[in-house]
Amino acid sequence: QVQLVESGGGLAQAGGSLTLACEIRGYIFSALAVAWYRQRPGHQRELVAHQFATGNSTYRDDVKGRFSISRDNAKNTAYLQMNSLKIGDTGVYFCWALGIFGDGIQVTVSS
């Protein structure tokens, strides 16, 4: 049974940084594409960043240059490094792989 376990969310000030982690359990992670989604207050869930197993990555326009998706295949873990955070980045962030989502983790950015 595949499980996605997110960690690393919390509270940050605008301009600060947070790193999210997503451990994938029950599958060979190195063969997977992985993505991060978020759901902001008043918005539908949206794709933030996506990475193929090859390492090729794409980002939504408003996080380009600020967020970075990466992976450690030895640890079966994907990461989302978030820098220069804005209040508008506040929301619940979800890891995605194999067509399933993790439970989500709260990110709150304050002024």
Protein backbone atom coordinates (compact mmCIF):
# COMPACT_ATOMS: atom_id res chain seq x y z
CA GLN A 1 0.00 0.00 0.00
CA VAL A 2 1.47 3.34 -1.07
CA GLN A 3 1.56 6.12 1.52
CA LEU A 4 2.67 9.72 1.17
CA VAL A 5 3.76 11.31 4.43
CA GLU A 6 4.32 15.07 4.45
CA SER A 7 6.27 17.06 7.00
CA GLY A 8 7.88 20.43 7.49
CA GLY A 9 5.02 22.88 7.26
CA GLY A 10 4.23 25.54 9.81
CA LEU A 11 4.43 29.28 10.28
CA ALA A 12 6.87 31.60 8.52
CA GLN A 13 7.16 35.33 8.11
CA ALA A 14 6.85 36.95 4.72
CA GLY A 15 10.23 36.79 3.03
CA GLY A 16 11.18 33.70 4.99
CA SER A 17 11.67 30.08 3.99
CA LEU A 18 10.20 26.68 4.68
CA THR A 19 11.05 23.23 3.38
CA LEU A 20 8.39 20.59 2.92
CA ALA A 21 9.25 16.90 2.73
CA CYS A 22 7.22 14.00 1.40
CA GLU A 23 8.27 10.45 2.14
CA ILE A 24 6.83 7.88 -0.25
CA ARG A 25 6.34 4.48 1.33
CA GLY A 26 5.53 1.23 -0.41
CA TYR A 27 6.87 1.97 -3.90
CA ILE A 28 10.12 2.43 -5.78
CA PHE A 29 10.37 6.17 -5.58
CA SER A 30 13.13 6.62 -8.16
CA ALA A 31 10.71 5.58 -10.95
CA LEU A 32 8.02 8.07 -9.99
CA ALA A 33 6.99 11.50 -11.04
CA VAL A 34 6.14 13.60 -8.00
CA ALA A 35 4.36 16.88 -7.52
CA TRP A 36 3.27 19.41 -4.94
CA TYR A 37 -0.18 20.95 -4.97
CA ARG A 38 -1.70 23.54 -2.68
CA GLN A 39 -5.13 24.73 -1.74
CA ARG A 40 -5.25 28.34 -0.68
CA PRO A 41 -8.23 29.86 1.14
CA GLY A 42 -10.96 30.57 -1.38
CA HIS A 43 -9.14 28.75 -4.18
CA GLN A 44 -9.30 25.33 -5.75
CA ARG A 45 -6.39 22.94 -5.39
CA GLU A 46 -3.63 23.99 -7.78
CA LEU A 47 -0.43 22.47 -9.06
CA VAL A 48 2.63 24.20 -7.62
CA ALA A 49 5.53 22.11 -8.92
CA HIS A 50 6.02 18.85 -10.78
CA GLN A 51 9.08 16.70 -11.29
CA PHE A 52 9.51 13.72 -13.61
CA ALA A 53 11.64 10.78 -12.52
CA THR A 54 14.32 12.19 -14.84
CA GLY A 55 14.49 15.31 -12.71
CA ASN A 56 12.89 17.66 -15.22
CA SER A 57 10.72 20.11 -13.29
CA THR A 58 7.99 22.63 -13.96
CA TYR A 59 6.47 25.34 -11.76
CA ARG A 60 3.44 27.56 -11.70
CA ASP A 61 4.35 31.09 -12.71
CA ASP A 62 3.89 32.77 -9.34
CA VAL A 63 6.41 30.49 -7.60
CA LYS A 64 9.09 30.39 -10.29
CA GLY A 65 12.42 31.54 -8.91
CA ARG A 66 11.18 31.15 -5.32
CA PHE A 67 10.25 27.47 -4.97
CA SER A 68 12.32 24.44 -5.89
CA ILE A 69 11.25 20.81 -6.09
CA SER A 70 13.86 18.14 -5.50
CA ARG A 71 14.19 14.51 -4.57
CA ASP A 72 16.44 12.15 -2.67
CA ASN A 73 15.87 8.70 -4.14
CA ALA A 74 17.95 7.04 -1.43
CA LYS A 75 15.53 8.41 1.17
CA ASN A 76 12.38 7.90 -0.92
CA THR A 77 11.66 11.56 -0.26
CA ALA A 78 10.65 14.57 -2.31
CA TYR A 79 11.12 18.13 -1.13
CA LEU A 80 9.70 21.56 -1.81
CA GLN A 81 12.05 24.36 -0.84
CA MET A 82 10.06 27.57 -0.51
CA ASN A 83 11.95 30.86 -0.33
CA SER A 84 10.84 34.49 -0.34
CA LEU A 85 7.49 33.39 0.99
CA LYS A 86 4.49 35.64 0.50
CA ILE A 87 1.27 35.87 2.46
CA GLY A 88 -0.47 34.57 -0.67
CA ASP A 89 1.46 31.30 -0.35
CA THR A 90 -0.59 30.44 2.72
CA GLY A 91 -2.52 27.22 2.30
CA VAL A 92 -2.51 23.48 2.67
CA TYR A 93 0.20 21.79 0.62
CA PHE A 94 -0.22 18.27 -0.71
CA CYS A 95 2.33 15.84 -2.03
CA TRP A 96 1.23 13.82 -5.07
CA ALA A 97 2.55 10.64 -6.64
CA LEU A 98 1.03 7.61 -8.35
CA GLY A 99 -2.27 9.41 -8.66
CA ILE A 100 -2.75 9.85 -4.94
CA PHE A 101 -2.35 12.75 -2.53
CA GLY A 102 -0.94 12.91 0.94
CA ASP A 103 -3.06 14.24 3.77
CA GLY A 104 -1.71 17.75 3.33
CA ILE A 105 0.26 20.06 5.56
CA GLN A 106 -0.51 23.62 6.59
CA VAL A 107 1.76 26.49 5.56
CA THR A 108 0.98 29.88 7.02
CA VAL A 109 2.86 33.01 6.02
CA SER A 110 2.42 36.09 8.20
CA SER A 111 3.40 39.72 7.71
